[in-house]
């Protein structure tokens, strides 16, 4: 159970999000299979894809706040 968060994060980052860097996809999938049932794999993958889709819509339409802007606003408010 201790490896589940790492397997989930690796699947999110290397398996589904950074597709152009596909060289680590196989190892990310193997880690996922070792820690999650098939049903959990499907549910996790669907949730990650929903979040990635919403993020891409937000970026595409300029509906996001740049992290540097947030950091600067916090610093000036302090």
PDB file of N, CA and C in Angstrom:
ATOM      1  N   UNK A   1       0.807  -1.215   0.000  1.00  0.00           N
ATOM      2  CA  UNK A   1       0.000   0.000   0.000  1.00  0.00           C
ATOM      3  C   UNK A   1       0.847   1.275   0.000  1.00  0.00           C
ATOM      4  N   UNK A   2       2.069   1.188   0.483  1.00  0.00           N
ATOM      5  CA  UNK A   2       2.911   2.372   0.523  1.00  0.00           C
ATOM      6  C   UNK A   2       3.312   2.856  -0.860  1.00  0.00           C
ATOM      7  N   UNK A   3       3.282   1.973  -1.841  1.00  0.00           N
ATOM      8  CA  UNK A   3       3.723   2.330  -3.184  1.00  0.00           C
ATOM      9  C   UNK A   3       2.586   2.858  -4.061  1.00  0.00           C
ATOM     10  N   UNK A   4       1.349   2.791  -3.580  1.00  0.00           N
ATOM     11  CA  UNK A   4       0.208   3.241  -4.387  1.00  0.00           C
ATOM     12  C   UNK A   4       0.293   4.710  -4.775  1.00  0.00           C
ATOM     13  N   UNK A   5       0.603   5.613  -3.839  1.00  0.00           N
ATOM     14  CA  UNK A   5       0.687   7.030  -4.245  1.00  0.00           C
ATOM     15  C   UNK A   5       1.768   7.279  -5.299  1.00  0.00           C
ATOM     16  N   UNK A   6       2.888   6.602  -5.174  1.00  0.00           N
ATOM     17  CA  UNK A   6       3.959   6.777  -6.156  1.00  0.00           C
ATOM     18  C   UNK A   6       3.529   6.216  -7.513  1.00  0.00           C
ATOM     19  N   UNK A   7       2.907   5.050  -7.512  1.00  0.00           N
ATOM     20  CA  UNK A   7       2.445   4.450  -8.773  1.00  0.00           C
ATOM     21  C   UNK A   7       1.401   5.340  -9.431  1.00  0.00           C
ATOM     22  N   UNK A   8       0.499   5.887  -8.624  1.00  0.00           N
ATOM     23  CA  UNK A   8      -0.538   6.788  -9.145  1.00  0.00           C
ATOM     24  C   UNK A   8       0.100   8.032  -9.755  1.00  0.00           C
ATOM     25  N   UNK A   9       1.044   8.625  -9.052  1.00  0.00           N
ATOM     26  CA  UNK A   9       1.713   9.827  -9.548  1.00  0.00           C
ATOM     27  C   UNK A   9       2.516   9.577 -10.802  1.00  0.00           C
ATOM     28  N   UNK A  10       3.180   8.445 -10.842  1.00  0.00           N
ATOM     29  CA  UNK A  10       3.958   8.094 -12.031  1.00  0.00           C
ATOM     30  C   UNK A  10       3.042   7.884 -13.227  1.00  0.00           C
ATOM     31  N   UNK A  11       1.921   7.221 -13.009  1.00  0.00           N
ATOM     32  CA  UNK A  11       0.951   7.004 -14.094  1.00  0.00           C
ATOM     33  C   UNK A  11       0.411   8.340 -14.592  1.00  0.00           C
ATOM     34  N   UNK A  12       0.081   9.222 -13.662  1.00  0.00           N
ATOM     35  CA  UNK A  12      -0.424  10.547 -14.014  1.00  0.00           C
ATOM     36  C   UNK A  12       0.603  11.302 -14.848  1.00  0.00           C
ATOM     37  N   UNK A  13       1.815  11.373 -14.353  1.00  0.00           N
ATOM     38  CA  UNK A  13       2.841  12.207 -14.976  1.00  0.00           C
ATOM     39  C   UNK A  13       3.436  11.577 -16.230  1.00  0.00           C
ATOM     40  N   UNK A  14       3.943  10.361 -16.101  1.00  0.00           N
ATOM     41  CA  UNK A  14       4.684   9.742 -17.204  1.00  0.00           C
ATOM     42  C   UNK A  14       3.815   8.891 -18.113  1.00  0.00           C
ATOM     43  N   UNK A  15       2.714   8.389 -17.585  1.00  0.00           N
ATOM     44  CA  UNK A  15       1.864   7.521 -18.383  1.00  0.00           C
ATOM     45  C   UNK A  15       0.826   8.245 -19.213  1.00  0.00           C
ATOM     46  N   UNK A  16       0.292   9.356 -18.666  1.00  0.00           N
ATOM     47  CA  UNK A  16      -0.829  10.004 -19.350  1.00  0.00           C
ATOM     48  C   UNK A  16      -0.627  11.477 -19.675  1.00  0.00           C
ATOM     49  N   UNK A  17       0.202  12.176 -18.949  1.00  0.00           N
ATOM     50  CA  UNK A  17       0.309  13.618 -19.145  1.00  0.00           C
ATOM     51  C   UNK A  17       1.449  14.004 -20.075  1.00  0.00           C
ATOM     52  N   UNK A  18       2.617  13.465 -19.856  1.00  0.00           N
ATOM     53  CA  UNK A  18       3.776  13.809 -20.683  1.00  0.00           C
ATOM     54  C   UNK A  18       3.926  12.797 -21.820  1.00  0.00           C
ATOM     55  N   UNK A  19       2.984  12.827 -22.720  1.00  0.00           N
ATOM     56  CA  UNK A  19       2.932  11.829 -23.784  1.00  0.00           C
ATOM     57  C   UNK A  19       4.105  11.917 -24.748  1.00  0.00           C
ATOM     58  N   UNK A  20       4.633  13.095 -24.952  1.00  0.00           N
ATOM     59  CA  UNK A  20       5.750  13.236 -25.889  1.00  0.00           C
ATOM     60  C   UNK A  20       7.026  12.616 -25.325  1.00  0.00           C
ATOM     61  N   UNK A  21       7.041  12.329 -24.043  1.00  0.00           N
ATOM     62  CA  UNK A  21       8.193  11.688 -23.407  1.00  0.00           C
ATOM     63  C   UNK A  21       7.862  10.233 -23.103  1.00  0.00           C
ATOM     64  N   UNK A  22       7.280   9.536 -24.062  1.00  0.00           N
ATOM     65  CA  UNK A  22       6.720   8.210 -23.879  1.00  0.00           C
ATOM     66  C   UNK A  22       7.662   7.097 -23.497  1.00  0.00           C
ATOM     67  N   UNK A  23       8.932   7.385 -23.382  1.00  0.00           N
ATOM     68  CA  UNK A  23       9.900   6.330 -23.099  1.00  0.00           C
ATOM     69  C   UNK A  23       9.677   5.656 -21.746  1.00  0.00           C
ATOM     70  N   UNK A  24       8.976   6.293 -20.836  1.00  0.00           N
ATOM     71  CA  UNK A  24       8.769   5.712 -19.517  1.00  0.00           C
ATOM     72  C   UNK A  24       7.344   5.192 -19.324  1.00  0.00           C
ATOM     73  N   UNK A  25       6.557   5.191 -20.378  1.00  0.00           N
ATOM     74  CA  UNK A  25       5.169   4.762 -20.267  1.00  0.00           C
ATOM     75  C   UNK A  25       5.060   3.329 -19.771  1.00  0.00           C
ATOM     76  N   UNK A  26       5.860   2.440 -20.314  1.00  0.00           N
ATOM     77  CA  UNK A  26       5.780   1.020 -19.951  1.00  0.00           C
ATOM     78  C   UNK A  26       6.067   0.803 -18.475  1.00  0.00           C
ATOM     79  N   UNK A  27       7.080   1.451 -17.950  1.00  0.00           N
ATOM     80  CA  UNK A  27       7.391   1.275 -16.528  1.00  0.00           C
ATOM     81  C   UNK A  27       6.313   1.892 -15.647  1.00  0.00           C
ATOM     82  N   UNK A  28       5.725   2.998 -16.087  1.00  0.00           N
ATOM     83  CA  UNK A  28       4.635   3.616 -15.327  1.00  0.00           C
ATOM     84  C   UNK A  28       3.426   2.682 -15.290  1.00  0.00           C
ATOM     85  N   UNK A  29       3.149   2.038 -16.417  1.00  0.00           N
ATOM     86  CA  UNK A  29       2.010   1.114 -16.463  1.00  0.00           C
ATOM     87  C   UNK A  29       2.267  -0.126 -15.612  1.00  0.00           C
ATOM     88  N   UNK A  30       3.483  -0.614 -15.623  1.00  0.00           N
ATOM     89  CA  UNK A  30       3.818  -1.783 -14.798  1.00  0.00           C
ATOM     90  C   UNK A  30       3.651  -1.460 -13.306  1.00  0.00           C
ATOM     91  N   UNK A  31       4.076  -0.273 -12.905  1.00  0.00           N
ATOM     92  CA  UNK A  31       3.906   0.146 -11.506  1.00  0.00           C
ATOM     93  C   UNK A  31       2.429   0.258 -11.155  1.00  0.00           C
ATOM     94  N   UNK A  32       1.636   0.786 -12.083  1.00  0.00           N
ATOM     95  CA  UNK A  32       0.196   0.911 -11.868  1.00  0.00           C
ATOM     96  C   UNK A  32      -0.444  -0.463 -11.695  1.00  0.00           C
ATOM     97  N   UNK A  33      -0.106  -1.397 -12.599  1.00  0.00           N
ATOM     98  CA  UNK A  33      -0.676  -2.747 -12.538  1.00  0.00           C
ATOM     99  C   UNK A  33      -0.297  -3.472 -11.252  1.00  0.00           C
ATOM    100  N   UNK A  34       0.881  -3.190 -10.735  1.00  0.00           N
ATOM    101  CA  UNK A  34       1.339  -3.864  -9.518  1.00  0.00           C
ATOM    102  C   UNK A  34       0.584  -3.403  -8.283  1.00  0.00           C
ATOM    103  N   UNK A  35       0.019  -2.202  -8.325  1.00  0.00           N
ATOM    104  CA  UNK A  35      -0.604  -1.631  -7.128  1.00  0.00           C
ATOM    105  C   UNK A  35      -2.125  -1.515  -7.185  1.00  0.00           C
ATOM    106  N   UNK A  36      -2.712  -1.534  -8.388  1.00  0.00           N
ATOM    107  CA  UNK A  36      -4.143  -1.276  -8.536  1.00  0.00           C
ATOM    108  C   UNK A  36      -4.830  -2.412  -9.297  1.00  0.00           C
ATOM    109  N   UNK A  37      -6.071  -2.672  -8.925  1.00  0.00           N
ATOM    110  CA  UNK A  37      -6.870  -3.645  -9.664  1.00  0.00           C
ATOM    111  C   UNK A  37      -7.206  -3.054 -11.033  1.00  0.00           C
ATOM    112  N   UNK A  38      -7.701  -3.903 -11.935  1.00  0.00           N
ATOM    113  CA  UNK A  38      -8.087  -3.400 -13.257  1.00  0.00           C
ATOM    114  C   UNK A  38      -9.162  -2.324 -13.147  1.00  0.00           C
ATOM    115  N   UNK A  39     -10.128  -2.535 -12.275  1.00  0.00           N
ATOM    116  CA  UNK A  39     -11.193  -1.534 -12.092  1.00  0.00           C
ATOM    117  C   UNK A  39     -10.616  -0.219 -11.575  1.00  0.00           C
ATOM    118  N   UNK A  40      -9.704  -0.283 -10.623  1.00  0.00           N
ATOM    119  CA  UNK A  40      -9.078   0.931 -10.099  1.00  0.00           C
ATOM    120  C   UNK A  40      -8.247   1.624 -11.175  1.00  0.00           C
ATOM    121  N   UNK A  41      -7.576   0.842 -12.006  1.00  0.00           N
ATOM    122  CA  UNK A  41      -6.782   1.417 -13.091  1.00  0.00           C
ATOM    123  C   UNK A  41      -7.661   2.222 -14.039  1.00  0.00           C
ATOM    124  N   UNK A  42      -8.800   1.661 -14.378  1.00  0.00           N
ATOM    125  CA  UNK A  42      -9.724   2.340 -15.296  1.00  0.00           C
ATOM    126  C   UNK A  42     -10.262   3.610 -14.657  1.00  0.00           C
ATOM    127  N   UNK A  43     -10.717   3.515 -13.414  1.00  0.00           N
ATOM    128  CA  UNK A  43     -11.271   4.701 -12.736  1.00  0.00           C
ATOM    129  C   UNK A  43     -10.230   5.801 -12.600  1.00  0.00           C
ATOM    130  N   UNK A  44      -9.025   5.437 -12.212  1.00  0.00           N
ATOM    131  CA  UNK A  44      -7.956   6.417 -12.068  1.00  0.00           C
ATOM    132  C   UNK A  44      -7.620   7.065 -13.404  1.00  0.00           C
ATOM    133  N   UNK A  45      -7.525   6.264 -14.447  1.00  0.00           N
ATOM    134  CA  UNK A  45      -7.195   6.774 -15.775  1.00  0.00           C
ATOM    135  C   UNK A  45      -8.276   7.718 -16.287  1.00  0.00           C
ATOM    136  N   UNK A  46      -9.528   7.377 -16.078  1.00  0.00           N
ATOM    137  CA  UNK A  46     -10.623   8.252 -16.510  1.00  0.00           C
ATOM    138  C   UNK A  46     -10.574   9.576 -15.757  1.00  0.00           C
ATOM    139  N   UNK A  47     -10.357   9.525 -14.456  1.00  0.00           N
ATOM    140  CA  UNK A  47     -10.296  10.762 -13.672  1.00  0.00           C
ATOM    141  C   UNK A  47      -9.130  11.646 -14.115  1.00  0.00           C
ATOM    142  N   UNK A  48      -7.982  11.054 -14.345  1.00  0.00           N
ATOM    143  CA  UNK A  48      -6.826  11.826 -14.805  1.00  0.00           C
ATOM    144  C   UNK A  48      -7.131  12.478 -16.147  1.00  0.00           C
ATOM    145  N   UNK A  49      -7.776  11.744 -17.049  1.00  0.00           N
ATOM    146  CA  UNK A  49      -8.099  12.305 -18.360  1.00  0.00           C
ATOM    147  C   UNK A  49      -9.135  13.417 -18.276  1.00  0.00           C
ATOM    148  N   UNK A  50     -10.072  13.308 -17.373  1.00  0.00           N
ATOM    149  CA  UNK A  50     -11.051  14.388 -17.184  1.00  0.00           C
ATOM    150  C   UNK A  50     -10.339  15.652 -16.703  1.00  0.00           C
ATOM    151  N   UNK A  51      -9.474  15.501 -15.710  1.00  0.00           N
ATOM    152  CA  UNK A  51      -8.737  16.659 -15.184  1.00  0.00           C
ATOM    153  C   UNK A  51      -7.838  17.255 -16.265  1.00  0.00           C
ATOM    154  N   UNK A  52      -7.112  16.406 -16.994  1.00  0.00           N
ATOM    155  CA  UNK A  52      -6.258  16.910 -18.076  1.00  0.00           C
ATOM    156  C   UNK A  52      -7.080  17.643 -19.127  1.00  0.00           C
ATOM    157  N   UNK A  53      -8.253  17.116 -19.443  1.00  0.00           N
ATOM    158  CA  UNK A  53      -9.118  17.769 -20.431  1.00  0.00           C
ATOM    159  C   UNK A  53      -9.558  19.149 -19.974  1.00  0.00           C
ATOM    160  N   UNK A  54      -9.995  19.266 -18.739  1.00  0.00           N
ATOM    161  CA  UNK A  54     -10.409  20.571 -18.209  1.00  0.00           C
ATOM    162  C   UNK A  54      -9.239  21.541 -18.176  1.00  0.00           C
ATOM    163  N   UNK A  55      -8.048  21.048 -17.821  1.00  0.00           N
ATOM    164  CA  UNK A  55      -6.865  21.908 -17.825  1.00  0.00           C
ATOM    165  C   UNK A  55      -6.569  22.431 -19.220  1.00  0.00           C
ATOM    166  N   UNK A  56      -6.702  21.593 -20.221  1.00  0.00           N
ATOM    167  CA  UNK A  56      -6.423  22.020 -21.588  1.00  0.00           C
ATOM    168  C   UNK A  56      -7.462  23.033 -22.076  1.00  0.00           C
ATOM    169  N   UNK A  57      -8.708  22.851 -21.678  1.00  0.00           N
ATOM    170  CA  UNK A  57      -9.743  23.831 -22.028  1.00  0.00           C
ATOM    171  C   UNK A  57      -9.422  25.173 -21.377  1.00  0.00           C
ATOM    172  N   UNK A  58      -9.062  25.143 -20.101  1.00  0.00           N
ATOM    173  CA  UNK A  58      -8.732  26.382 -19.384  1.00  0.00           C
ATOM    174  C   UNK A  58      -7.557  27.102 -20.033  1.00  0.00           C
ATOM    175  N   UNK A  59      -6.518  26.366 -20.372  1.00  0.00           N
ATOM    176  CA  UNK A  59      -5.348  26.974 -21.015  1.00  0.00           C
ATOM    177  C   UNK A  59      -5.727  27.518 -22.388  1.00  0.00           C
ATOM    178  N   UNK A  60      -6.470  26.740 -23.150  1.00  0.00           N
ATOM    179  CA  UNK A  60      -6.862  27.150 -24.492  1.00  0.00           C
ATOM    180  C   UNK A  60      -7.658  28.442 -24.526  1.00  0.00           C
ATOM    181  N   UNK A  61      -8.497  28.642 -23.538  1.00  0.00           N
ATOM    182  CA  UNK A  61      -9.337  29.842 -23.494  1.00  0.00           C
ATOM    183  C   UNK A  61      -8.817  30.900 -22.535  1.00  0.00           C
ATOM    184  N   UNK A  62      -7.603  30.691 -22.040  1.00  0.00           N
ATOM    185  CA  UNK A  62      -7.002  31.690 -21.158  1.00  0.00           C
ATOM    186  C   UNK A  62      -7.690  31.799 -19.811  1.00  0.00           C
ATOM    187  N   UNK A  63      -8.281  30.711 -19.346  1.00  0.00           N
ATOM    188  CA  UNK A  63      -9.038  30.727 -18.091  1.00  0.00           C
ATOM    189  C   UNK A  63      -8.229  30.183 -16.917  1.00  0.00           C
ATOM    190  N   UNK A  64      -6.968  30.473 -16.914  1.00  0.00           N
ATOM    191  CA  UNK A  64      -6.110  30.012 -15.831  1.00  0.00           C
ATOM    192  C   UNK A  64      -5.297  31.194 -15.340  1.00  0.00           C
ATOM    193  N   UNK A  65      -4.757  31.049 -14.157  1.00  0.00           N
ATOM    194  CA  UNK A  65      -3.906  32.083 -13.592  1.00  0.00           C
ATOM    195  C   UNK A  65      -2.481  31.545 -13.566  1.00  0.00           C
ATOM    196  N   UNK A  66      -1.578  32.311 -14.103  1.00  0.00           N
ATOM    197  CA  UNK A  66      -0.179  31.922 -14.122  1.00  0.00           C
ATOM    198  C   UNK A  66       0.361  31.865 -12.692  1.00  0.00           C
ATOM    199  N   UNK A  67       1.097  30.811 -12.368  1.00  0.00           N
ATOM    200  CA  UNK A  67       1.625  30.625 -11.014  1.00  0.00           C
ATOM    201  C   UNK A  67       2.507  31.790 -10.588  1.00  0.00           C
ATOM    202  N   UNK A  68       3.286  32.360 -11.495  1.00  0.00           N
ATOM    203  CA  UNK A  68       4.149  33.491 -11.164  1.00  0.00           C
ATOM    204  C   UNK A  68       3.325  34.714 -10.787  1.00  0.00           C
ATOM    205  N   UNK A  69       2.185  34.894 -11.434  1.00  0.00           N
ATOM    206  CA  UNK A  69       1.297  36.012 -11.115  1.00  0.00           C
ATOM    207  C   UNK A  69       0.723  35.863  -9.705  1.00  0.00           C
ATOM    208  N   UNK A  70       0.317  34.644  -9.362  1.00  0.00           N
ATOM    209  CA  UNK A  70      -0.213  34.383  -8.030  1.00  0.00           C
ATOM    210  C   UNK A  70       0.858  34.644  -6.976  1.00  0.00           C
ATOM    211  N   UNK A  71       2.050  34.166  -7.221  1.00  0.00           N
ATOM    212  CA  UNK A  71       3.155  34.326  -6.278  1.00  0.00           C
ATOM    213  C   UNK A  71       3.472  35.813  -6.076  1.00  0.00           C
ATOM    214  N   UNK A  72       3.489  36.586  -7.153  1.00  0.00           N
ATOM    215  CA  UNK A  72       3.771  38.016  -7.048  1.00  0.00           C
ATOM    216  C   UNK A  72       2.669  38.749  -6.286  1.00  0.00           C
ATOM    217  N   UNK A  73       1.418  38.348  -6.520  1.00  0.00           N
ATOM    218  CA  UNK A  73       0.300  38.968  -5.816  1.00  0.00           C
ATOM    219  C   UNK A  73       0.369  38.683  -4.320  1.00  0.00           C
ATOM    220  N   UNK A  74       0.719  37.455  -3.972  1.00  0.00           N
ATOM    221  CA  UNK A  74       0.851  37.106  -2.558  1.00  0.00           C
ATOM    222  C   UNK A  74       1.980  37.899  -1.901  1.00  0.00           C
ATOM    223  N   UNK A  75       3.083  38.039  -2.612  1.00  0.00           N
ATOM    224  CA  UNK A  75       4.225  38.758  -2.060  1.00  0.00           C
ATOM    225  C   UNK A  75       3.902  40.240  -1.850  1.00  0.00           C
ATOM    226  N   UNK A  76       3.175  40.829  -2.764  1.00  0.00           N
ATOM    227  CA  UNK A  76       2.836  42.255  -2.634  1.00  0.00           C
ATOM    228  C   UNK A  76       1.771  42.483  -1.571  1.00  0.00           C
ATOM    229  N   UNK A  77       0.944  41.473  -1.296  1.00  0.00           N
ATOM    230  CA  UNK A  77      -0.101  41.608  -0.278  1.00  0.00           C
ATOM    231  C   UNK A  77       0.457  41.430   1.135  1.00  0.00           C
ATOM    232  N   UNK A  78       1.610  40.810   1.244  1.00  0.00           N
ATOM    233  CA  UNK A  78       2.189  40.535   2.569  1.00  0.00           C
ATOM    234  C   UNK A  78       2.844  41.718   3.202  1.00  0.00           C
TER     235      UNK A  78
END
